Amino acid sequence: MKYYLVRAMFFLLVVTAVSGADDTGYLVGPTKPVLIAEGDDVILPCTLNNPNGNNNAFDQTVEWSRLDLNPKEVHLYRNIRDENADQNTNYKGRTSLFRDDLENGIISLKLSRVKLADTGNYTCSVPPLKTVIQLIVGAVSQPVISVVGPKDYDVVLKCVATFWTFKPDLTWLDSDGSILTEGPTEIQIDSEGRYTVRGEVTVQKTDKNMFTCRVNQQQINQMKKTEYNVPDAVFPMSRGQKAGIIIGVIIAVTILSVAGGVYMWRQKKQLKQQQEEQKKQLKQQQEEQNIHNVNPHMAELIQRVTKVIPITDELLQKGLIQEEDCSNVLFADASKDQMIMLYQVLDYRGPKAKSAFYRILKEKEPDIIRDLDVDFVDQNKDLFIQRVNDVNSISDELLQKGLIKKEDEDKIRAAETSQDQMTQLYQVLSDSGPDS
C-alpha cells in the first residue's frame, strides 16, 4: 500500500512541474514530440483534467502560443469566441479549436497546411495551467531517376531524393510492384541536418520496362515515388539479337542478288524514283535519329551539356514544355542536375519535345552533336555498306563541301559495286577525320 502511495505522489509531482498543475487541475499533452510532414494538417493534443471532474473549458480562456515568436500568439479563445487580432501573421487562417469538444476539456489545436517554419515548442494554457508540446515538421522531395549506363546486357538506373528532414529508406520496384535487388545505396547528411539518399539498381529488359523508385519515412508517414520507363533502345543488344541482324542482312543480300537478274531491265526506269525515295527515307531517318539520340546518349549529355538554361528557355518559347517544367529545371543547382531534370521533362512531354531538344542542342553546342553523329556513322557501318546504293551522290556532295579530295572521289567511283564503293568511302572518311 505504501508503494502505491509513493507512486501516486511522484506522478502528481511530475504533473505539477510539467503542466503547471494546482488544485484547479492540470493539462495533459503528449510526452513525445509530434512529427508531421510539410504540407499536411496536424493536431496538437491538449486536454484539461480537473480532479473534481469539471473539465468544461467552453467559457474559459484557452491560449496557444510560441514564446520564441514576436508576437507569440498562435491562437486565442476568450469570452466564448476566437480573438485572434494579435495572432502572429504566420498562422493567419491556419488554426482552429474543436468547439464542440471544449465542454469535455479537449482544447487541442488544429494547424493546417504545415510549414517547415512551424517547427517549435507550443505552449497550451488555460490560465494559470499550461503545458508545452513540441512539433517537428519534416521536409520531403520527389525522387529523380536517371540512366547511369549499360552493364553487360542490362541497364543501371540511379535514384536521388534530396532534403529529407528524417533519414529515409529507398526501395526499387518493377512494373508488377515486386521489390528489386538493389545496388549500392548512399545516405548523406548536410550541415543543416537534411538527408540525401542515392541508390542504384541494375535492371533487365522486360515487356514494359517500367521501374519505380520509392522513398519512405515511417516517422512522418510519408512516401514519395517516381516511375521511369526505360526505352528499348537504351538496352544493349544481346548476342542472339546481333546474330539475327547479321543473318537477316545475309539473307536480304542473297535474295537481292538472285532477284537482281530478273529485275535488271527495270533498273533504269526506277532509278530516279528510288533516289527520291531514298532521300525521303534519309530525311525521315534523320528526324527519328534526333529523337533516338536523346535517350541512348543520356549519360553523356548529362555530363557534357552546359547550356541547359538557354535550351530550356527556347523549348518554353516554342510551347513544347510548360512554365512549371522550366521552373523544375531552374530549381536544380548544377548543370548535371538540371539536365537530369530536363530529361524527366522530355520523357513526359513526348517525341516532339525530344526532337526539338536535339535540334536546339545542335545550334547551342555543335561539338557535342558532331561527336554523337560520328558515333552513329561508325556504329552502323555494316548496315550502310549493305543498303546504301547511291554512293556517288553522297561522295559528290562531300567533294563540293570540301570534305574529301578529288582523288578520293575517283577511288570511290572506281569500285565496281555499291558495297565496294561504301567500303572505300568509309576508308576515306576514316583517313579524313571526324569532321567529314
Protein backbone atom coordinates (compact mmCIF):
# COMPACT_ATOMS: atom_id res chain seq x y z
CA MET A 1 0.00 0.00 0.00
CA LYS A 2 2.84 2.36 0.86
CA TYR A 3 4.42 1.61 -2.54
CA TYR A 4 1.32 2.71 -4.47
CA LEU A 5 1.03 5.90 -2.37
CA VAL A 6 4.64 6.80 -3.21
CA ARG A 7 4.00 6.23 -6.92
CA ALA A 8 0.86 8.39 -6.82
CA MET A 9 2.73 11.23 -5.07
CA PHE A 10 5.56 11.02 -7.62
CA PHE A 11 3.06 11.21 -10.51
CA LEU A 12 1.40 14.32 -9.03
CA LEU A 13 4.78 15.99 -8.54
CA VAL A 14 5.71 15.35 -12.22
CA VAL A 15 2.37 16.66 -13.49
CA THR A 16 2.64 19.77 -11.32
CA ALA A 17 6.18 20.50 -12.56
CA VAL A 18 5.47 19.90 -16.25
CA SER A 19 1.88 21.03 -16.66
CA GLY A 20 1.51 23.80 -14.09
CA ALA A 21 -1.00 21.77 -12.05
CA ASP A 22 -2.65 23.12 -8.91
CA ASP A 23 -5.87 22.43 -7.05
CA THR A 24 -7.85 23.51 -10.13
CA GLY A 25 -6.45 20.62 -12.19
CA TYR A 26 -3.76 20.12 -14.84
CA LEU A 27 -3.24 19.97 -18.62
CA VAL A 28 -2.30 16.75 -20.40
CA GLY A 29 -0.22 16.79 -23.58
CA PRO A 30 1.88 14.23 -25.49
CA THR A 31 5.08 13.05 -23.83
CA LYS A 32 6.91 12.83 -27.18
CA PRO A 33 7.34 15.37 -29.99
CA VAL A 34 4.58 15.47 -32.60
CA LEU A 35 6.02 14.61 -36.05
CA ILE A 36 4.35 15.72 -39.29
CA ALA A 37 5.32 16.22 -42.95
CA GLU A 38 5.39 19.63 -44.60
CA GLY A 39 2.05 20.47 -46.24
CA ASP A 40 -0.10 18.17 -44.08
CA ASP A 41 -2.58 19.13 -41.33
CA VAL A 42 -1.68 18.33 -37.71
CA ILE A 43 -3.47 18.22 -34.34
CA LEU A 44 -1.50 19.27 -31.23
CA PRO A 45 -3.25 17.32 -28.41
CA CYS A 46 -4.03 19.12 -25.15
CA THR A 47 -6.68 18.15 -22.57
CA LEU A 48 -7.92 19.77 -19.34
CA ASN A 49 -8.15 17.39 -16.41
CA ASN A 50 -9.70 18.53 -13.11
CA PRO A 51 -9.76 16.33 -10.00
CA ASN A 52 -13.36 17.42 -9.33
CA GLY A 53 -14.42 16.12 -12.74
CA ASN A 54 -15.40 19.56 -14.10
CA ASN A 55 -13.36 19.72 -17.32
CA ASN A 56 -15.60 22.21 -19.14
CA ALA A 57 -13.40 24.76 -20.97
CA PHE A 58 -16.19 26.29 -23.06
CA ASP A 59 -16.34 29.53 -21.04
CA GLN A 60 -12.65 29.63 -20.07
CA THR A 61 -9.65 31.26 -21.75
CA VAL A 62 -7.62 28.91 -23.98
CA GLU A 63 -4.35 30.24 -25.30
CA TRP A 64 -1.83 28.65 -27.69
CA SER A 65 1.50 30.45 -28.09
CA ARG A 66 5.13 30.15 -29.11
CA LEU A 67 7.44 32.06 -26.78
CA ASP A 68 10.20 32.23 -29.45
CA LEU A 69 8.00 34.34 -31.77
CA ASN A 70 7.02 38.02 -31.70
CA PRO A 71 4.12 38.27 -31.40
CA LYS A 72 3.92 34.96 -29.57
CA GLU A 73 0.14 34.44 -30.13
CA VAL A 74 -0.75 31.34 -32.17
CA HIS A 75 -4.45 31.08 -31.23
CA LEU A 76 -6.56 32.73 -28.53
CA TYR A 77 -10.06 31.66 -27.38
CA ARG A 78 -11.67 34.04 -24.88
CA ASN A 79 -15.17 35.19 -23.97
CA ILE A 80 -16.63 32.16 -25.79
CA ARG A 81 -15.11 33.16 -29.14
CA ASP A 82 -11.84 33.25 -31.04
CA GLU A 83 -9.93 36.52 -30.52
CA ASN A 84 -7.03 36.46 -32.97
CA ALA A 85 -6.46 40.18 -33.56
CA ASP A 86 -2.93 39.84 -32.13
CA GLN A 87 -2.23 36.49 -33.78
CA ASN A 88 1.19 36.01 -35.38
CA THR A 89 0.74 36.58 -39.12
CA ASN A 90 2.42 33.28 -39.93
CA TYR A 91 -0.66 31.47 -38.51
CA LYS A 92 -3.43 33.58 -40.07
CA GLY A 93 -6.24 31.33 -41.33
CA ARG A 94 -4.46 28.11 -40.34
CA THR A 95 -5.51 27.49 -36.71
CA SER A 96 -8.72 26.30 -35.08
CA LEU A 97 -10.06 24.64 -31.92
CA PHE A 98 -12.65 21.88 -31.73
CA ARG A 99 -15.54 23.98 -30.37
CA ASP A 100 -17.89 21.02 -29.84
CA ASP A 101 -15.29 19.30 -27.64
CA LEU A 102 -14.41 22.23 -25.34
CA GLU A 103 -17.09 21.16 -22.84
CA ASN A 104 -15.24 17.86 -22.48
CA GLY A 105 -11.93 19.58 -21.75
CA ILE A 106 -10.45 18.93 -25.19
CA ILE A 107 -8.55 22.12 -26.13
CA SER A 108 -6.36 20.62 -28.88
CA LEU A 109 -5.17 22.90 -31.69
CA LYS A 110 -5.56 22.03 -35.38
CA LEU A 111 -2.83 23.54 -37.57
CA SER A 112 -3.45 23.36 -41.33
CA ARG A 113 -1.00 23.28 -44.24
CA VAL A 114 2.04 22.87 -42.00
CA LYS A 115 5.25 24.71 -42.94
CA LEU A 116 8.86 23.98 -42.02
CA ALA A 117 8.86 27.24 -40.01
CA ASP A 118 6.12 25.79 -37.77
CA THR A 119 8.68 23.58 -36.04
CA GLY A 120 8.94 24.66 -32.38
CA ASN A 121 7.58 24.42 -28.82
CA TYR A 122 3.90 25.32 -28.43
CA THR A 123 2.50 26.35 -25.03
CA CYS A 124 -1.07 25.23 -24.36
CA SER A 125 -2.61 27.13 -21.45
CA VAL A 126 -5.83 27.60 -19.52
CA PRO A 127 -4.57 30.22 -17.03
CA PRO A 128 -2.97 29.50 -14.68
CA LEU A 129 -2.41 25.98 -16.12
CA LYS A 130 -0.06 25.32 -19.01
CA THR A 131 1.91 22.59 -20.76
CA VAL A 132 4.36 22.51 -23.68
CA ILE A 133 4.03 20.40 -26.86
CA GLN A 134 6.94 20.06 -29.29
CA LEU A 135 6.15 19.99 -33.03
CA ILE A 136 8.72 18.81 -35.59
CA VAL A 137 7.92 19.35 -39.28
CA GLY A 138 9.72 17.14 -41.77
CA ALA A 139 10.54 18.04 -45.39
CA VAL A 140 10.34 15.56 -48.27
CA SER A 141 11.04 15.73 -52.01
CA GLN A 142 10.18 13.81 -55.17
CA PRO A 143 12.82 11.21 -56.18
CA VAL A 144 14.58 11.75 -59.53
CA ILE A 145 15.56 8.76 -61.70
CA SER A 146 18.29 8.80 -64.37
CA VAL A 147 20.12 6.25 -66.51
CA VAL A 148 23.72 5.64 -65.42
CA GLY A 149 24.54 3.47 -68.43
CA PRO A 150 24.62 -0.09 -69.79
CA LYS A 151 26.04 -3.03 -67.86
CA ASP A 152 26.60 -6.17 -69.96
CA TYR A 153 23.11 -6.63 -71.48
CA ASP A 154 21.32 -4.70 -68.72
CA VAL A 155 20.95 -1.04 -67.69
CA VAL A 156 21.92 0.67 -64.42
CA LEU A 157 19.41 3.20 -63.04
CA LYS A 158 20.10 5.84 -60.37
CA CYS A 159 17.60 7.45 -57.97
CA VAL A 160 18.25 10.60 -55.91
CA ALA A 161 15.99 12.14 -53.23
CA THR A 162 17.22 15.31 -51.51
CA PHE A 163 16.47 17.47 -48.46
CA TRP A 164 14.58 14.92 -46.30
CA THR A 165 14.37 16.04 -42.68
CA PHE A 166 14.41 12.48 -41.32
CA LYS A 167 16.51 9.56 -42.56
CA PRO A 168 14.56 7.87 -45.40
CA ASP A 169 14.55 4.36 -46.87
CA LEU A 170 14.90 3.77 -50.64
CA THR A 171 13.37 0.79 -52.46
CA TRP A 172 13.26 -0.20 -56.17
CA LEU A 173 10.18 -1.90 -57.66
CA ASP A 174 9.46 -3.48 -61.04
CA SER A 175 6.27 -2.99 -63.09
CA ASP A 176 4.48 -5.69 -61.03
CA GLY A 177 5.33 -4.00 -57.72
CA SER A 178 7.91 -6.61 -56.75
CA ILE A 179 10.99 -5.39 -54.87
CA LEU A 180 14.19 -5.47 -56.91
CA THR A 181 17.63 -6.37 -55.61
CA GLU A 182 19.32 -3.02 -55.08
CA GLY A 183 22.85 -1.96 -55.88
CA PRO A 184 24.83 0.47 -53.71
CA THR A 185 22.76 2.91 -51.59
CA GLU A 186 24.33 6.05 -50.09
CA ILE A 187 22.87 8.38 -47.45
CA GLN A 188 24.41 11.80 -46.77
CA ILE A 189 23.51 14.49 -44.23
CA ASP A 190 24.28 18.17 -44.81
CA SER A 191 25.24 20.91 -42.36
CA GLU A 192 21.56 21.65 -41.65
CA GLY A 193 20.78 18.03 -40.77
CA ARG A 194 18.89 17.22 -44.01
CA TYR A 195 19.28 13.82 -45.65
CA THR A 196 20.03 12.95 -49.27
CA VAL A 197 19.65 9.31 -50.34
CA ARG A 198 21.08 7.86 -53.56
CA GLY A 199 20.55 4.35 -54.82
CA GLU A 200 21.33 2.30 -57.93
CA VAL A 201 19.78 -0.82 -59.41
CA THR A 202 20.62 -3.00 -62.40
CA VAL A 203 17.51 -3.84 -64.45
CA GLN A 204 16.88 -6.33 -67.22
CA LYS A 205 14.76 -5.66 -70.29
CA THR A 206 11.08 -6.61 -69.77
CA ASP A 207 7.81 -6.29 -71.68
CA LYS A 208 7.02 -2.95 -70.00
CA ASN A 209 10.45 -1.66 -68.90
CA MET A 210 8.70 0.34 -66.14
CA PHE A 211 10.60 0.75 -62.87
CA THR A 212 9.79 2.67 -59.67
CA CYS A 213 11.98 4.34 -57.06
CA ARG A 214 10.13 4.59 -53.72
CA VAL A 215 11.43 6.68 -50.81
CA ASN A 216 9.72 6.22 -47.45
CA GLN A 217 9.93 7.82 -43.98
CA GLN A 218 7.91 5.96 -41.35
CA GLN A 219 8.23 8.55 -38.55
CA ILE A 220 6.20 11.13 -40.50
CA ASN A 221 4.28 8.52 -42.54
CA GLN A 222 5.50 9.93 -45.85
CA MET A 223 6.19 8.08 -49.09
CA LYS A 224 7.24 9.55 -52.45
CA LYS A 225 7.74 7.52 -55.59
CA THR A 226 8.76 8.12 -59.20
CA GLU A 227 8.11 5.78 -62.13
CA TYR A 228 10.51 5.60 -65.07
CA ASN A 229 10.13 3.88 -68.44
CA VAL A 230 13.44 2.76 -69.92
CA PRO A 231 13.23 2.83 -73.77
CA ASP A 232 14.13 -0.43 -75.53
CA ALA A 233 16.90 1.37 -77.42
CA VAL A 234 18.79 2.01 -74.16
CA PHE A 235 19.33 -1.72 -73.56
CA PRO A 236 22.40 -3.18 -75.34
CA MET A 237 21.71 -5.88 -77.94
CA SER A 238 22.31 -9.48 -76.90
CA ARG A 239 24.50 -11.86 -78.88
CA GLY A 240 21.36 -13.52 -80.25
CA GLN A 241 19.98 -10.18 -81.49
CA LYS A 242 23.26 -9.28 -83.17
CA ALA A 243 23.43 -12.71 -84.82
CA GLY A 244 19.83 -12.30 -86.01
CA ILE A 245 20.67 -8.97 -87.65
CA ILE A 246 23.72 -10.42 -89.40
CA ILE A 247 21.74 -13.42 -90.64
CA GLY A 248 18.95 -11.13 -91.79
CA VAL A 249 21.38 -8.98 -93.73
CA ILE A 250 22.96 -12.05 -95.36
CA ILE A 251 19.55 -13.40 -96.37
CA ALA A 252 18.49 -9.99 -97.69
CA VAL A 253 21.68 -9.64 -99.74
CA THR A 254 21.26 -13.16 -101.16
CA ILE A 255 17.64 -12.52 -102.16
CA LEU A 256 18.55 -9.21 -103.75
CA SER A 257 21.38 -10.84 -105.70
CA VAL A 258 19.08 -13.56 -107.10
CA ALA A 259 16.25 -11.18 -107.83
CA GLY A 260 18.62 -8.62 -109.32
CA GLY A 261 18.93 -10.54 -112.60
CA VAL A 262 15.15 -10.68 -113.01
CA TYR A 263 14.54 -7.01 -112.34
CA MET A 264 17.65 -5.59 -114.02
CA TRP A 265 15.68 -4.43 -117.07
CA ARG A 266 13.55 -2.18 -114.84
CA GLN A 267 16.52 -0.63 -113.05
CA LYS A 268 16.93 2.44 -115.27
CA LYS A 269 13.23 3.29 -115.14
CA GLN A 270 13.05 3.02 -111.36
CA LEU A 271 16.43 4.57 -110.53
CA LYS A 272 15.16 8.11 -110.27
CA GLN A 273 12.17 7.05 -108.20
CA GLN A 274 14.45 5.08 -105.87
CA GLN A 275 16.76 8.06 -105.44
CA GLU A 276 13.86 10.31 -104.45
CA GLU A 277 12.52 7.71 -102.05
CA GLN A 278 15.96 7.24 -100.54
CA LYS A 279 16.30 10.97 -99.93
CA LYS A 280 12.88 10.95 -98.24
CA GLN A 281 13.87 7.98 -96.09
CA LEU A 282 17.17 9.57 -95.13
CA LYS A 283 15.32 12.73 -94.05
CA GLN A 284 12.86 10.68 -92.01
CA GLN A 285 15.69 8.63 -90.52
CA GLN A 286 17.46 11.83 -89.51
CA GLU A 287 14.34 13.04 -87.69
CA GLU A 288 13.99 9.67 -85.97
CA GLN A 289 17.68 9.73 -85.13
CA ASN A 290 17.22 13.11 -83.48
CA ILE A 291 14.71 11.50 -81.13
CA HIS A 292 16.64 8.26 -80.56
CA ASN A 293 19.90 10.09 -79.81
CA VAL A 294 18.31 11.75 -76.80
CA ASN A 295 17.89 8.53 -74.74
CA PRO A 296 20.87 6.30 -75.67
CA HIS A 297 23.29 9.18 -75.05
CA MET A 298 21.58 10.36 -71.88
CA ALA A 299 24.55 9.75 -69.60
CA GLU A 300 27.00 11.51 -71.96
CA LEU A 301 24.72 14.52 -72.49
CA ILE A 302 24.16 14.89 -68.73
CA GLN A 303 27.93 15.08 -68.28
CA ARG A 304 28.72 17.42 -71.21
CA VAL A 305 25.82 19.81 -71.82
CA THR A 306 26.38 23.16 -70.07
CA LYS A 307 23.83 25.45 -71.76
CA VAL A 308 20.81 23.78 -70.15
CA ILE A 309 19.03 27.02 -69.24
CA PRO A 310 19.13 28.57 -72.79
CA ILE A 311 17.92 25.26 -74.24
CA THR A 312 15.08 25.08 -71.69
CA ASP A 313 14.08 28.69 -72.42
CA GLU A 314 13.87 28.02 -76.16
CA LEU A 315 11.76 24.89 -75.61
CA LEU A 316 9.43 27.02 -73.44
CA GLN A 317 9.22 29.74 -76.12
CA LYS A 318 8.32 27.13 -78.75
CA GLY A 319 5.49 25.90 -76.50
CA LEU A 320 6.99 22.39 -76.19
CA ILE A 321 7.27 22.49 -72.39
CA GLN A 322 5.33 24.35 -69.67
CA GLU A 323 6.30 27.04 -67.15
CA GLU A 324 6.34 24.51 -64.32
CA ASP A 325 8.74 22.31 -66.32
CA CYS A 326 11.09 25.27 -66.73
CA SER A 327 10.86 26.05 -63.01
CA ASN A 328 11.76 22.46 -62.09
CA VAL A 329 14.90 22.65 -64.27
CA LEU A 330 15.91 26.05 -62.85
CA PHE A 331 15.48 24.68 -59.31
CA ALA A 332 18.48 22.38 -59.77
CA ASP A 333 21.87 23.90 -58.93
CA ALA A 334 24.48 22.22 -61.17
CA SER A 335 24.15 21.76 -64.94
CA LYS A 336 24.23 17.96 -64.47
CA ASP A 337 21.26 18.08 -62.10
CA GLN A 338 19.49 20.49 -64.48
CA MET A 339 19.99 18.01 -67.36
CA ILE A 340 18.64 15.16 -65.22
CA MET A 341 15.51 17.18 -64.50
CA LEU A 342 15.24 18.24 -68.20
CA TYR A 343 15.31 14.55 -69.21
CA GLN A 344 12.37 13.95 -66.89
CA VAL A 345 10.51 16.80 -68.61
CA LEU A 346 11.32 15.48 -72.12
CA ASP A 347 10.14 11.97 -71.22
CA TYR A 348 6.84 13.43 -70.01
CA ARG A 349 6.30 15.83 -72.96
CA GLY A 350 6.98 13.20 -75.67
CA PRO A 351 8.84 12.73 -79.00
CA LYS A 352 8.14 16.20 -80.41
CA ALA A 353 9.89 17.86 -77.47
CA LYS A 354 12.81 15.41 -77.70
CA SER A 355 13.34 16.08 -81.41
CA ALA A 356 13.23 19.85 -80.84
CA PHE A 357 15.69 19.50 -77.93
CA TYR A 358 18.16 17.71 -80.22
CA ARG A 359 17.84 20.40 -82.96
CA ILE A 360 18.37 23.17 -80.40
CA LEU A 361 21.36 21.30 -78.98
CA LYS A 362 22.88 21.28 -82.48
CA GLU A 363 22.77 25.09 -82.51
CA LYS A 364 23.87 25.65 -78.91
CA GLU A 365 26.60 23.01 -78.56
CA PRO A 366 27.50 21.67 -82.05
CA ASP A 367 30.70 19.94 -80.86
CA ILE A 368 28.67 17.51 -78.76
CA ILE A 369 26.31 16.69 -81.65
CA ARG A 370 29.22 16.17 -84.02
CA ASP A 371 30.66 13.55 -81.70
CA LEU A 372 27.25 11.81 -81.47
CA ASP A 373 26.87 11.81 -85.29
CA VAL A 374 30.34 10.31 -85.70
CA ASP A 375 29.41 7.52 -83.27
CA PHE A 376 26.20 6.87 -85.24
CA VAL A 377 28.08 6.53 -88.55
CA ASP A 378 30.68 4.22 -87.02
CA GLN A 379 28.15 2.02 -85.20
CA ASN A 380 26.06 1.42 -88.36
CA LYS A 381 28.95 0.86 -90.77
CA ASP A 382 27.99 -2.68 -91.85
CA LEU A 383 24.35 -1.74 -92.37
CA PHE A 384 25.24 1.30 -94.51
CA ILE A 385 27.67 -0.73 -96.65
CA GLN A 386 24.94 -3.28 -97.44
CA ARG A 387 21.98 -0.93 -98.00
CA VAL A 388 23.22 2.40 -99.43
CA ASN A 389 23.05 2.35 -103.27
CA ASP A 390 23.58 5.94 -104.44
CA VAL A 391 27.13 6.30 -103.12
CA ASN A 392 28.20 8.60 -105.98
CA SER A 393 25.71 11.32 -104.96
CA ILE A 394 26.99 11.23 -101.40
CA SER A 395 30.64 11.46 -102.46
CA ASP A 396 29.83 14.32 -104.90
CA GLU A 397 28.27 16.36 -102.08
CA LEU A 398 31.22 15.67 -99.77
CA LEU A 399 33.56 16.84 -102.56
CA GLN A 400 31.54 20.04 -103.11
CA LYS A 401 31.68 20.81 -99.39
CA GLY A 402 35.47 20.33 -99.46
CA LEU A 403 35.36 17.44 -97.01
CA ILE A 404 37.08 14.94 -99.34
CA LYS A 405 39.56 15.35 -102.22
CA LYS A 406 39.08 14.71 -105.97
CA GLU A 407 41.38 11.68 -105.89
CA ASP A 408 39.27 10.26 -103.04
CA GLU A 409 36.12 10.53 -105.17
CA ASP A 410 37.89 8.85 -108.12
CA LYS A 411 38.78 5.89 -105.91
CA ILE A 412 35.16 5.58 -104.78
CA ARG A 413 33.80 5.68 -108.35
CA ALA A 414 36.37 3.13 -109.48
CA ALA A 415 34.88 0.47 -107.18
CA GLU A 416 32.60 -1.99 -109.02
CA THR A 417 29.60 -2.46 -106.67
CA SER A 418 27.80 -0.08 -104.30
CA GLN A 419 29.04 -2.18 -101.37
CA ASP A 420 32.64 -1.76 -102.53
CA GLN A 421 32.05 1.96 -103.06
CA MET A 422 30.69 2.33 -99.50
CA THR A 423 33.67 0.38 -98.13
CA GLN A 424 36.02 2.74 -99.97
CA LEU A 425 34.03 5.77 -98.72
CA TYR A 426 34.38 4.60 -95.13
CA GLN A 427 38.15 4.28 -95.68
CA VAL A 428 38.26 7.86 -97.00
CA LEU A 429 36.19 9.14 -94.05
CA SER A 430 38.47 7.32 -91.61
CA ASP A 431 41.56 8.97 -93.18
CA SER A 432 39.89 12.42 -93.29
CA GLY A 433 38.93 12.51 -89.60
CA PRO A 434 35.70 13.20 -87.65
CA ASP A 435 34.80 16.49 -89.42
CA SER A 436 33.87 14.53 -92.58
